[in-house]
Full PDB file with SEQRES, HELIX, SHEET, SSBOND, CRYST1, ORIGX, SCALE, CONECT and MASTER records, all heavy atoms in Angstrom:
SEQRES   1 A   43  GLN LEU ASN VAL ASN GLU ALA GLN GLU ARG ILE GLY ALA          
SEQRES   2 A   43  ALA GLN THR ALA VAL ALA SER ALA GLN GLU ASN PHE ARG          
SEQRES   3 A   43  LEU ALA GLN GLY ARG PHE ASP ALA GLY VAL GLY THR ILE          
SEQRES   4 A   43  LEU GLU LEU THR                                              
HELIX    1 AA1 LEU A    2  ALA A   34  1                                  33    
HELIX    2 AA2 ILE A   39  LEU A   42  1                                   4    
CRYST1    1.000    1.000    1.000  90.00  90.00  90.00 P 1           1          
ORIGX1      1.000000  0.000000  0.000000        0.00000                         
ORIGX2      0.000000  1.000000  0.000000        0.00000                         
ORIGX3      0.000000  0.000000  1.000000        0.00000                         
SCALE1      1.000000  0.000000  0.000000        0.00000                         
SCALE2      0.000000  1.000000  0.000000        0.00000                         
SCALE3      0.000000  0.000000  1.000000        0.00000                         
ATOM      1  N   GLN A   1      76.586 124.985  38.683  1.00  0.00           N  
ATOM      2  CA  GLN A   1      76.619 126.107  39.619  1.00  0.00           C  
ATOM      3  C   GLN A   1      75.854 125.770  40.903  1.00  0.00           C  
ATOM      4  O   GLN A   1      76.239 126.219  42.002  1.00  0.00           O  
ATOM      5  CB  GLN A   1      76.061 127.363  38.962  1.00  0.00           C  
ATOM      6  CG  GLN A   1      74.608 127.294  38.554  1.00  0.00           C  
ATOM      7  CD  GLN A   1      74.163 128.576  37.859  1.00  0.00           C  
ATOM      8  OE1 GLN A   1      74.906 129.554  37.826  1.00  0.00           O  
ATOM      9  NE2 GLN A   1      72.978 128.568  37.296  1.00  0.00           N  
ATOM     10  N   LEU A   2      74.808 124.968  40.812  1.00  0.00           N  
ATOM     11  CA  LEU A   2      74.109 124.539  42.031  1.00  0.00           C  
ATOM     12  C   LEU A   2      75.010 123.650  42.879  1.00  0.00           C  
ATOM     13  O   LEU A   2      75.025 123.756  44.109  1.00  0.00           O  
ATOM     14  CB  LEU A   2      72.827 123.793  41.662  1.00  0.00           C  
ATOM     15  CG  LEU A   2      71.692 124.638  41.066  1.00  0.00           C  
ATOM     16  CD1 LEU A   2      70.534 123.747  40.635  1.00  0.00           C  
ATOM     17  CD2 LEU A   2      71.217 125.694  42.059  1.00  0.00           C  
ATOM     18  N   ASN A   3      75.776 122.778  42.232  1.00  0.00           N  
ATOM     19  CA  ASN A   3      76.702 121.925  42.966  1.00  0.00           C  
ATOM     20  C   ASN A   3      77.803 122.740  43.634  1.00  0.00           C  
ATOM     21  O   ASN A   3      78.225 122.420  44.748  1.00  0.00           O  
ATOM     22  CB  ASN A   3      77.315 120.895  42.015  1.00  0.00           C  
ATOM     23  CG  ASN A   3      76.331 119.818  41.609  1.00  0.00           C  
ATOM     24  OD1 ASN A   3      75.388 119.517  42.345  1.00  0.00           O  
ATOM     25  ND2 ASN A   3      76.534 119.224  40.448  1.00  0.00           N  
ATOM     26  N   VAL A   4      78.290 123.775  42.944  1.00  0.00           N  
ATOM     27  CA  VAL A   4      79.309 124.639  43.549  1.00  0.00           C  
ATOM     28  C   VAL A   4      78.764 125.305  44.799  1.00  0.00           C  
ATOM     29  O   VAL A   4      79.422 125.343  45.857  1.00  0.00           O  
ATOM     30  CB  VAL A   4      79.810 125.674  42.524  1.00  0.00           C  
ATOM     31  CG1 VAL A   4      80.670 126.728  43.218  1.00  0.00           C  
ATOM     32  CG2 VAL A   4      80.609 125.002  41.422  1.00  0.00           C  
ATOM     33  N   ASN A   5      77.562 125.858  44.721  1.00  0.00           N  
ATOM     34  CA  ASN A   5      76.963 126.513  45.888  1.00  0.00           C  
ATOM     35  C   ASN A   5      76.747 125.531  47.029  1.00  0.00           C  
ATOM     36  O   ASN A   5      76.998 125.847  48.201  1.00  0.00           O  
ATOM     37  CB  ASN A   5      75.634 127.158  45.487  1.00  0.00           C  
ATOM     38  CG  ASN A   5      75.815 128.334  44.551  1.00  0.00           C  
ATOM     39  OD1 ASN A   5      76.852 129.005  44.569  1.00  0.00           O  
ATOM     40  ND2 ASN A   5      74.827 128.588  43.703  1.00  0.00           N  
ATOM     41  N   GLU A   6      76.291 124.331  46.678  1.00  0.00           N  
ATOM     42  CA  GLU A   6      76.057 123.321  47.722  1.00  0.00           C  
ATOM     43  C   GLU A   6      77.358 122.911  48.390  1.00  0.00           C  
ATOM     44  O   GLU A   6      77.423 122.746  49.617  1.00  0.00           O  
ATOM     45  CB  GLU A   6      75.363 122.115  47.085  1.00  0.00           C  
ATOM     46  CG  GLU A   6      75.069 120.967  48.044  1.00  0.00           C  
ATOM     47  CD  GLU A   6      76.122 119.880  48.012  1.00  0.00           C  
ATOM     48  OE1 GLU A   6      76.947 119.887  47.077  1.00  0.00           O  
ATOM     49  OE2 GLU A   6      76.128 119.041  48.933  1.00  0.00           O  
ATOM     50  N   ALA A   7      78.422 122.752  47.609  1.00  0.00           N  
ATOM     51  CA  ALA A   7      79.713 122.357  48.173  1.00  0.00           C  
ATOM     52  C   ALA A   7      80.265 123.449  49.086  1.00  0.00           C  
ATOM     53  O   ALA A   7      80.878 123.145  50.115  1.00  0.00           O  
ATOM     54  CB  ALA A   7      80.692 122.039  47.051  1.00  0.00           C  
ATOM     55  N   GLN A   8      80.067 124.699  48.711  1.00  0.00           N  
ATOM     56  CA  GLN A   8      80.528 125.795  49.581  1.00  0.00           C  
ATOM     57  C   GLN A   8      79.835 125.745  50.933  1.00  0.00           C  
ATOM     58  O   GLN A   8      80.465 125.942  51.979  1.00  0.00           O  
ATOM     59  CB  GLN A   8      80.267 127.142  48.897  1.00  0.00           C  
ATOM     60  CG  GLN A   8      81.173 127.424  47.718  1.00  0.00           C  
ATOM     61  CD  GLN A   8      81.078 128.858  47.246  1.00  0.00           C  
ATOM     62  OE1 GLN A   8      81.963 129.670  47.494  1.00  0.00           O  
ATOM     63  NE2 GLN A   8      80.002 129.184  46.546  1.00  0.00           N  
ATOM     64  N   GLU A   9      78.555 125.473  50.923  1.00  0.00           N  
ATOM     65  CA  GLU A   9      77.829 125.381  52.197  1.00  0.00           C  
ATOM     66  C   GLU A   9      78.292 124.180  53.010  1.00  0.00           C  
ATOM     67  O   GLU A   9      78.403 124.247  54.233  1.00  0.00           O  
ATOM     68  CB  GLU A   9      76.333 125.289  51.912  1.00  0.00           C  
ATOM     69  CG  GLU A   9      75.760 126.540  51.251  1.00  0.00           C  
ATOM     70  CD  GLU A   9      74.294 126.380  50.884  1.00  0.00           C  
ATOM     71  OE1 GLU A   9      73.748 125.280  51.122  1.00  0.00           O  
ATOM     72  OE2 GLU A   9      73.699 127.337  50.363  1.00  0.00           O  
ATOM     73  N   ARG A  10      78.573 123.069  52.328  1.00  0.00           N  
ATOM     74  CA  ARG A  10      79.047 121.878  53.039  1.00  0.00           C  
ATOM     75  C   ARG A  10      80.409 122.098  53.671  1.00  0.00           C  
ATOM     76  O   ARG A  10      80.694 121.552  54.739  1.00  0.00           O  
ATOM     77  CB  ARG A  10      79.117 120.689  52.078  1.00  0.00           C  
ATOM     78  CG  ARG A  10      77.831 119.896  52.008  1.00  0.00           C  
ATOM     79  CD  ARG A  10      78.077 118.509  51.444  1.00  0.00           C  
ATOM     80  NE  ARG A  10      78.474 118.535  50.055  1.00  0.00           N  
ATOM     81  CZ  ARG A  10      79.497 117.862  49.569  1.00  0.00           C  
ATOM     82  NH1 ARG A  10      80.281 117.165  50.360  1.00  0.00           N  
ATOM     83  NH2 ARG A  10      79.777 117.921  48.273  1.00  0.00           N  
ATOM     84  N   ILE A  11      81.262 122.867  53.002  1.00  0.00           N  
ATOM     85  CA  ILE A  11      82.591 123.113  53.568  1.00  0.00           C  
ATOM     86  C   ILE A  11      82.466 123.839  54.901  1.00  0.00           C  
ATOM     87  O   ILE A  11      83.130 123.486  55.887  1.00  0.00           O  
ATOM     88  CB  ILE A  11      83.440 123.920  52.571  1.00  0.00           C  
ATOM     89  CG1 ILE A  11      83.826 123.048  51.372  1.00  0.00           C  
ATOM     90  CG2 ILE A  11      84.701 124.457  53.246  1.00  0.00           C  
ATOM     91  CD1 ILE A  11      84.555 123.786  50.279  1.00  0.00           C  
ATOM     92  N   GLY A  12      81.624 124.870  54.956  1.00  0.00           N  
ATOM     93  CA  GLY A  12      81.438 125.593  56.219  1.00  0.00           C  
ATOM     94  C   GLY A  12      80.889 124.695  57.304  1.00  0.00           C  
ATOM     95  O   GLY A  12      81.358 124.734  58.458  1.00  0.00           O  
ATOM     96  N   ALA A  13      79.900 123.875  56.955  1.00  0.00           N  
ATOM     97  CA  ALA A  13      79.327 122.965  57.951  1.00  0.00           C  
ATOM     98  C   ALA A  13      80.344 121.925  58.390  1.00  0.00           C  
ATOM     99  O   ALA A  13      80.425 121.571  59.577  1.00  0.00           O  
ATOM    100  CB  ALA A  13      78.086 122.292  57.378  1.00  0.00           C  
ATOM    101  N   ALA A  14      81.163 121.419  57.455  1.00  0.00           N  
ATOM    102  CA  ALA A  14      82.161 120.405  57.799  1.00  0.00           C  
ATOM    103  C   ALA A  14      83.241 120.975  58.694  1.00  0.00           C  
ATOM    104  O   ALA A  14      83.709 120.298  59.628  1.00  0.00           O  
ATOM    105  CB  ALA A  14      82.781 119.838  56.522  1.00  0.00           C  
ATOM    106  N   GLN A  15      83.638 122.220  58.467  1.00  0.00           N  
ATOM    107  CA  GLN A  15      84.645 122.832  59.338  1.00  0.00           C  
ATOM    108  C   GLN A  15      84.121 123.001  60.755  1.00  0.00           C  
ATOM    109  O   GLN A  15      84.838 122.789  61.734  1.00  0.00           O  
ATOM    110  CB  GLN A  15      85.071 124.174  58.753  1.00  0.00           C  
ATOM    111  CG  GLN A  15      85.885 124.053  57.467  1.00  0.00           C  
ATOM    112  CD  GLN A  15      86.169 125.399  56.823  1.00  0.00           C  
ATOM    113  OE1 GLN A  15      85.545 126.403  57.160  1.00  0.00           O  
ATOM    114  NE2 GLN A  15      87.111 125.419  55.889  1.00  0.00           N  
ATOM    115  N   THR A  16      82.860 123.363  60.888  1.00  0.00           N  
ATOM    116  CA  THR A  16      82.247 123.457  62.214  1.00  0.00           C  
ATOM    117  C   THR A  16      82.196 122.091  62.885  1.00  0.00           C  
ATOM    118  O   THR A  16      82.460 121.959  64.092  1.00  0.00           O  
ATOM    119  CB  THR A  16      80.835 124.039  62.093  1.00  0.00           C  
ATOM    120  OG1 THR A  16      80.904 125.328  61.481  1.00  0.00           O  
ATOM    121  CG2 THR A  16      80.178 124.170  63.456  1.00  0.00           C  
ATOM    122  N   ALA A  17      81.879 121.054  62.095  1.00  0.00           N  
ATOM    123  CA  ALA A  17      81.817 119.711  62.656  1.00  0.00           C  
ATOM    124  C   ALA A  17      83.187 119.239  63.124  1.00  0.00           C  
ATOM    125  O   ALA A  17      83.301 118.566  64.160  1.00  0.00           O  
ATOM    126  CB  ALA A  17      81.254 118.747  61.614  1.00  0.00           C  
ATOM    127  N   VAL A  18      84.238 119.585  62.404  1.00  0.00           N  
ATOM    128  CA  VAL A  18      85.594 119.197  62.812  1.00  0.00           C  
ATOM    129  C   VAL A  18      85.959 119.854  64.135  1.00  0.00           C  
ATOM    130  O   VAL A  18      86.512 119.205  65.038  1.00  0.00           O  
ATOM    131  CB  VAL A  18      86.611 119.566  61.718  1.00  0.00           C  
ATOM    132  CG1 VAL A  18      88.043 119.417  62.244  1.00  0.00           C  
ATOM    133  CG2 VAL A  18      86.424 118.692  60.495  1.00  0.00           C  
ATOM    134  N   ALA A  19      85.666 121.131  64.250  1.00  0.00           N  
ATOM    135  CA  ALA A  19      85.973 121.829  65.506  1.00  0.00           C  
ATOM    136  C   ALA A  19      85.223 121.196  66.677  1.00  0.00           C  
ATOM    137  O   ALA A  19      85.800 120.990  67.759  1.00  0.00           O  
ATOM    138  CB  ALA A  19      85.622 123.305  65.373  1.00  0.00           C  
ATOM    139  N   SER A  20      83.958 120.871  66.488  1.00  0.00           N  
ATOM    140  CA  SER A  20      83.177 120.246  67.559  1.00  0.00           C  
ATOM    141  C   SER A  20      83.706 118.851  67.871  1.00  0.00           C  
ATOM    142  O   SER A  20      83.794 118.462  69.056  1.00  0.00           O  
ATOM    143  CB  SER A  20      81.703 120.165  67.149  1.00  0.00           C  
ATOM    144  OG  SER A  20      81.169 121.454  66.923  1.00  0.00           O  
ATOM    145  N   ALA A  21      84.061 118.083  66.835  1.00  0.00           N  
ATOM    146  CA  ALA A  21      84.563 116.731  67.061  1.00  0.00           C  
ATOM    147  C   ALA A  21      85.915 116.757  67.783  1.00  0.00           C  
ATOM    148  O   ALA A  21      86.196 115.883  68.612  1.00  0.00           O  
ATOM    149  CB  ALA A  21      84.689 115.999  65.727  1.00  0.00           C  
ATOM    150  N   GLN A  22      86.756 117.731  67.477  1.00  0.00           N  
ATOM    151  CA  GLN A  22      88.036 117.840  68.177  1.00  0.00           C  
ATOM    152  C   GLN A  22      87.834 118.130  69.657  1.00  0.00           C  
ATOM    153  O   GLN A  22      88.507 117.563  70.525  1.00  0.00           O  
ATOM    154  CB  GLN A  22      88.876 118.936  67.518  1.00  0.00           C  
ATOM    155  CG  GLN A  22      89.432 118.550  66.147  1.00  0.00           C  
ATOM    156  CD  GLN A  22      90.138 119.698  65.477  1.00  0.00           C  
ATOM    157  OE1 GLN A  22      89.915 120.866  65.802  1.00  0.00           O  
ATOM    158  NE2 GLN A  22      91.003 119.388  64.505  1.00  0.00           N  
ATOM    159  N   GLU A  23      86.896 119.027  69.964  1.00  0.00           N  
ATOM    160  CA  GLU A  23      86.620 119.347  71.365  1.00  0.00           C  
ATOM    161  C   GLU A  23      86.003 118.149  72.074  1.00  0.00           C  
ATOM    162  O   GLU A  23      86.348 117.847  73.233  1.00  0.00           O  
ATOM    163  CB  GLU A  23      85.660 120.548  71.437  1.00  0.00           C  
ATOM    164  CG  GLU A  23      85.272 120.960  72.844  1.00  0.00           C  
ATOM    165  CD  GLU A  23      86.462 121.440  73.667  1.00  0.00           C  
ATOM    166  OE1 GLU A  23      87.519 121.743  73.084  1.00  0.00           O  
ATOM    167  OE2 GLU A  23      86.322 121.532  74.910  1.00  0.00           O  
ATOM    168  N   ASN A  24      85.122 117.443  71.399  1.00  0.00           N  
ATOM    169  CA  ASN A  24      84.495 116.265  72.004  1.00  0.00           C  
ATOM    170  C   ASN A  24      85.535 115.188  72.297  1.00  0.00           C  
ATOM    171  O   ASN A  24      85.499 114.545  73.353  1.00  0.00           O  
ATOM    172  CB  ASN A  24      83.419 115.724  71.061  1.00  0.00           C  
ATOM    173  CG  ASN A  24      82.717 114.519  71.630  1.00  0.00           C  
ATOM    174  OD1 ASN A  24      82.263 114.526  72.775  1.00  0.00           O  
ATOM    175  ND2 ASN A  24      82.615 113.455  70.827  1.00  0.00           N  
ATOM    176  N   PHE A  25      86.485 114.994  71.358  1.00  0.00           N  
ATOM    177  CA  PHE A  25      87.526 114.002  71.593  1.00  0.00           C  
ATOM    178  C   PHE A  25      88.440 114.422  72.739  1.00  0.00           C  
ATOM    179  O   PHE A  25      88.859 113.583  73.551  1.00  0.00           O  
ATOM    180  CB  PHE A  25      88.339 113.796  70.312  1.00  0.00           C  
ATOM    181  CG  PHE A  25      89.488 112.848  70.486  1.00  0.00           C  
ATOM    182  CD1 PHE A  25      89.276 111.483  70.550  1.00  0.00           C  
ATOM    183  CD2 PHE A  25      90.794 113.318  70.606  1.00  0.00           C  
ATOM    184  CE1 PHE A  25      90.331 110.594  70.712  1.00  0.00           C  
ATOM    185  CE2 PHE A  25      91.850 112.446  70.788  1.00  0.00           C  
ATOM    186  CZ  PHE A  25      91.620 111.078  70.822  1.00  0.00           C  
ATOM    187  N   ARG A  26      88.736 115.708  72.799  1.00  0.00           N  
ATOM    188  CA  ARG A  26      89.592 116.174  73.902  1.00  0.00           C  
ATOM    189  C   ARG A  26      88.930 115.905  75.259  1.00  0.00           C  
ATOM    190  O   ARG A  26      89.601 115.435  76.203  1.00  0.00           O  
ATOM    191  CB  ARG A  26      89.867 117.664  73.730  1.00  0.00           C  
ATOM    192  CG  ARG A  26      90.866 118.233  74.728  1.00  0.00           C  
ATOM    193  CD  ARG A  26      90.970 119.737  74.588  1.00  0.00           C  
ATOM    194  NE  ARG A  26      89.723 120.387  74.960  1.00  0.00           N  
ATOM    195  CZ  ARG A  26      89.357 120.635  76.230  1.00  0.00           C  
ATOM    196  NH1 ARG A  26      90.153 120.274  77.239  1.00  0.00           N  
ATOM    197  NH2 ARG A  26      88.220 121.236  76.481  1.00  0.00           N  
ATOM    198  N   LEU A  27      87.646 116.164  75.361  1.00  0.00           N  
ATOM    199  CA  LEU A  27      86.942 115.923  76.623  1.00  0.00           C  
ATOM    200  C   LEU A  27      86.859 114.433  76.944  1.00  0.00           C  
ATOM    201  O   LEU A  27      87.064 114.019  78.102  1.00  0.00           O  
ATOM    202  CB  LEU A  27      85.536 116.521  76.539  1.00  0.00           C  
ATOM    203  CG  LEU A  27      85.463 118.047  76.411  1.00  0.00           C  
ATOM    204  CD1 LEU A  27      84.025 118.503  76.229  1.00  0.00           C  
ATOM    205  CD2 LEU A  27      86.088 118.713  77.642  1.00  0.00           C  
ATOM    206  N   ALA A  28      86.582 113.618  75.913  1.00  0.00           N  
ATOM    207  CA  ALA A  28      86.489 112.178  76.139  1.00  0.00           C  
ATOM    208  C   ALA A  28      87.839 111.602  76.550  1.00  0.00           C  
ATOM    209  O   ALA A  28      87.916 110.715  77.416  1.00  0.00           O  
ATOM    210  CB  ALA A  28      85.978 111.487  74.878  1.00  0.00           C  
ATOM    211  N   GLN A  29      88.917 112.124  75.938  1.00  0.00           N  
ATOM    212  CA  GLN A  29      90.258 111.666  76.292  1.00  0.00           C  
ATOM    213  C   GLN A  29      90.571 112.011  77.742  1.00  0.00           C  
ATOM    214  O   GLN A  29      91.127 111.187  78.496  1.00  0.00           O  
ATOM    215  CB  GLN A  29      91.282 112.307  75.364  1.00  0.00           C  
ATOM    216  CG  GLN A  29      92.717 111.836  75.585  1.00  0.00           C  
ATOM    217  CD  GLN A  29      92.959 110.443  75.052  1.00  0.00           C  
ATOM    218  OE1 GLN A  29      92.795 110.200  73.874  1.00  0.00           O  
ATOM    219  NE2 GLN A  29      93.324 109.508  75.927  1.00  0.00           N  
ATOM    220  N   GLY A  30      90.205 113.227  78.147  1.00  0.00           N  
ATOM    221  CA  GLY A  30      90.449 113.625  79.529  1.00  0.00           C  
ATOM    222  C   GLY A  30      89.647 112.801  80.522  1.00  0.00           C  
ATOM    223  O   GLY A  30      90.177 112.403  81.585  1.00  0.00           O  
ATOM    224  N   ARG A  31      88.401 112.502  80.172  1.00  0.00           N  
ATOM    225  CA  ARG A  31      87.583 111.703  81.076  1.00  0.00           C  
ATOM    226  C   ARG A  31      88.127 110.287  81.181  1.00  0.00           C  
ATOM    227  O   ARG A  31      88.145 109.698  82.269  1.00  0.00           O  
ATOM    228  CB  ARG A  31      86.135 111.670  80.575  1.00  0.00           C  
ATOM    229  CG  ARG A  31      85.392 113.003  80.751  1.00  0.00           C  
ATOM    230  CD  ARG A  31      84.039 112.968  80.047  1.00  0.00           C  
ATOM    231  NE  ARG A  31      83.233 111.842  80.484  1.00  0.00           N  
ATOM    232  CZ  ARG A  31      82.495 111.829  81.593  1.00  0.00           C  
ATOM    233  NH1 ARG A  31      82.493 112.906  82.386  1.00  0.00           N  
ATOM    234  NH2 ARG A  31      81.783 110.764  81.919  1.00  0.00           N  
ATOM    235  N   PHE A  32      88.579 109.747  80.049  1.00  0.00           N  
ATOM    236  CA  PHE A  32      89.113 108.391  80.095  1.00  0.00           C  
ATOM    237  C   PHE A  32      90.411 108.341  80.899  1.00  0.00           C  
ATOM    238  O   PHE A  32      90.627 107.417  81.699  1.00  0.00           O  
ATOM    239  CB  PHE A  32      89.350 107.889  78.668  1.00  0.00           C  
ATOM    240  CG  PHE A  32      89.833 106.464  78.588  1.00  0.00           C  
ATOM    241  CD1 PHE A  32      88.947 105.405  78.731  1.00  0.00           C  
ATOM    242  CD2 PHE A  32      91.185 106.180  78.397  1.00  0.00           C  
ATOM    243  CE1 PHE A  32      89.394 104.097  78.660  1.00  0.00           C  
ATOM    244  CE2 PHE A  32      91.624 104.876  78.332  1.00  0.00           C  
ATOM    245  CZ  PHE A  32      90.737 103.828  78.460  1.00  0.00           C  
ATOM    246  N   ASP A  33      91.272 109.312  80.680  1.00  0.00           N  
ATOM    247  CA  ASP A  33      92.534 109.337  81.430  1.00  0.00           C  
ATOM    248  C   ASP A  33      92.299 109.530  82.917  1.00  0.00           C  
ATOM    249  O   ASP A  33      93.080 109.048  83.749  1.00  0.00           O  
ATOM    250  CB  ASP A  33      93.427 110.457  80.892  1.00  0.00           C  
ATOM    251  CG  ASP A  33      93.905 110.167  79.469  1.00  0.00           C  
ATOM    252  OD1 ASP A  33      93.847 108.988  79.055  1.00  0.00           O  
ATOM    253  OD2 ASP A  33      94.309 111.120  78.768  1.00  0.00           O  
ATOM    254  N   ALA A  34      91.213 110.256  83.251  1.00  0.00           N  
ATOM    255  CA  ALA A  34      90.898 110.491  84.667  1.00  0.00           C  
ATOM    256  C   ALA A  34      90.183 109.307  85.302  1.00  0.00           C  
ATOM    257  O   ALA A  34      89.948 109.301  86.515  1.00  0.00           O  
ATOM    258  CB  ALA A  34      90.045 111.744  84.814  1.00  0.00           C  
ATOM    259  N   GLY A  35      89.814 108.320  84.494  1.00  0.00           N  
ATOM    260  CA  GLY A  35      89.157 107.140  85.030  1.00  0.00           C  
ATOM    261  C   GLY A  35      87.667 107.252  85.176  1.00  0.00           C  
ATOM    262  O   GLY A  35      87.037 106.337  85.721  1.00  0.00           O  
ATOM    263  N   VAL A  36      87.072 108.319  84.686  1.00  0.00           N  
ATOM    264  CA  VAL A  36      85.625 108.484  84.809  1.00  0.00           C  
ATOM    265  C   VAL A  36      84.902 108.233  83.500  1.00  0.00           C  
ATOM    266  O   VAL A  36      83.669 108.181  83.460  1.00  0.00           O  
ATOM    267  CB  VAL A  36      85.281 109.894  85.337  1.00  0.00           C  
ATOM    268  CG1 VAL A  36      85.846 110.087  86.729  1.00  0.00           C  
ATOM    269  CG2 VAL A  36      85.829 110.964  84.380  1.00  0.00           C  
ATOM    270  N   GLY A  37      85.633 108.115  82.384  1.00  0.00           N  
ATOM    271  CA  GLY A  37      85.033 107.854  81.079  1.00  0.00           C  
ATOM    272  C   GLY A  37      85.244 106.415  80.659  1.00  0.00           C  
ATOM    273  O   GLY A  37      86.138 105.728  81.169  1.00  0.00           O  
ATOM    274  N   THR A  38      84.426 105.956  79.723  1.00  0.00           N  
ATOM    275  CA  THR A  38      84.522 104.580  79.248  1.00  0.00           C  
ATOM    276  C   THR A  38      85.285 104.536  77.926  1.00  0.00           C  
ATOM    277  O   THR A  38      85.411 105.544  77.213  1.00  0.00           O  
ATOM    278  CB  THR A  38      83.126 103.976  79.042  1.00  0.00           C  
ATOM    279  OG1 THR A  38      82.446 104.708  78.004  1.00  0.00           O  
ATOM    280  CG2 THR A  38      82.308 104.061  80.334  1.00  0.00           C  
ATOM    281  N   ILE A  39      85.771 103.331  77.607  1.00  0.00           N  
ATOM    282  CA  ILE A  39      86.479 103.159  76.338  1.00  0.00           C  
ATOM    283  C   ILE A  39      85.526 103.340  75.154  1.00  0.00           C  
ATOM    284  O   ILE A  39      85.913 103.815  74.085  1.00  0.00           O  
ATOM    285  CB  ILE A  39      87.146 101.755  76.285  1.00  0.00           C  
ATOM    286  CG1 ILE A  39      88.029 101.626  75.046  1.00  0.00           C  
ATOM    287  CG2 ILE A  39      86.074 100.670  76.306  1.00  0.00           C  
ATOM    288  CD1 ILE A  39      89.211 102.537  75.036  1.00  0.00           C  
ATOM    289  N   LEU A  40      84.249 102.978  75.370  1.00  0.00           N  
ATOM    290  CA  LEU A  40      83.268 103.161  74.301  1.00  0.00           C  
ATOM    291  C   LEU A  40      83.071 104.642  73.996  1.00  0.00           C  
ATOM    292  O   LEU A  40      82.998 105.042  72.822  1.00  0.00           O  
ATOM    293  CB  LEU A  40      81.935 102.522  74.706  1.00  0.00           C  
ATOM    294  CG  LEU A  40      80.810 102.615  73.674  1.00  0.00           C  
ATOM    295  CD1 LEU A  40      81.214 101.911  72.392  1.00  0.00           C  
ATOM    296  CD2 LEU A  40      79.516 102.031  74.242  1.00  0.00           C  
ATOM    297  N   GLU A  41      83.027 105.439  75.022  1.00  0.00           N  
ATOM    298  CA  GLU A  41      82.885 106.885  74.822  1.00  0.00           C  
ATOM    299  C   GLU A  41      84.109 107.449  74.098  1.00  0.00           C  
ATOM    300  O   GLU A  41      83.980 108.289  73.191  1.00  0.00           O  
ATOM    301  CB  GLU A  41      82.704 107.569  76.175  1.00  0.00           C  
ATOM    302  CG  GLU A  41      82.610 109.085  76.109  1.00  0.00           C  
ATOM    303  CD  GLU A  41      82.539 109.727  77.495  1.00  0.00           C  
ATOM    304  OE1 GLU A  41      82.558 109.000  78.500  1.00  0.00           O  
ATOM    305  OE2 GLU A  41      82.488 110.971  77.543  1.00  0.00           O  
ATOM    306  N   LEU A  42      85.288 106.974  74.452  1.00  0.00           N  
ATOM    307  CA  LEU A  42      86.513 107.477  73.826  1.00  0.00           C  
ATOM    308  C   LEU A  42      86.611 107.050  72.361  1.00  0.00           C  
ATOM    309  O   LEU A  42      86.954 107.862  71.494  1.00  0.00           O  
ATOM    310  CB  LEU A  42      87.726 106.968  74.600  1.00  0.00           C  
ATOM    311  CG  LEU A  42      89.099 107.390  74.056  1.00  0.00           C  
ATOM    312  CD1 LEU A  42      89.220 108.906  74.053  1.00  0.00           C  
ATOM    313  CD2 LEU A  42      90.217 106.758  74.871  1.00  0.00           C  
ATOM    314  N   THR A  43      86.311 105.788  72.071  1.00  0.00           N  
ATOM    315  CA  THR A  43      86.407 105.327  70.687  1.00  0.00           C  
ATOM    316  C   THR A  43      85.338 105.978  69.798  1.00  0.00           C  
ATOM    317  O   THR A  43      85.590 106.247  68.623  1.00  0.00           O  
ATOM    318  CB  THR A  43      86.271 103.801  70.627  1.00  0.00           C  
ATOM    319  OG1 THR A  43      85.045 103.401  71.273  1.00  0.00           O  
ATOM    320  CG2 THR A  43      87.455 103.128  71.320  1.00  0.00           C  
TER     321      THR A  43                                                      
MASTER        0    0    0    2    0    0    0    6  320    1    0    4          
END                                                                             
């Protein structure tokens, strides 16, 4: 039951991390396409 509770909390945190990572990738992609971002930042 402790593992179940811990996994539930991790799912919420992981979903938040996915949303943030998607936005970060979108911004990095735009900066790279605009010529102001680096390939290291995009990768």
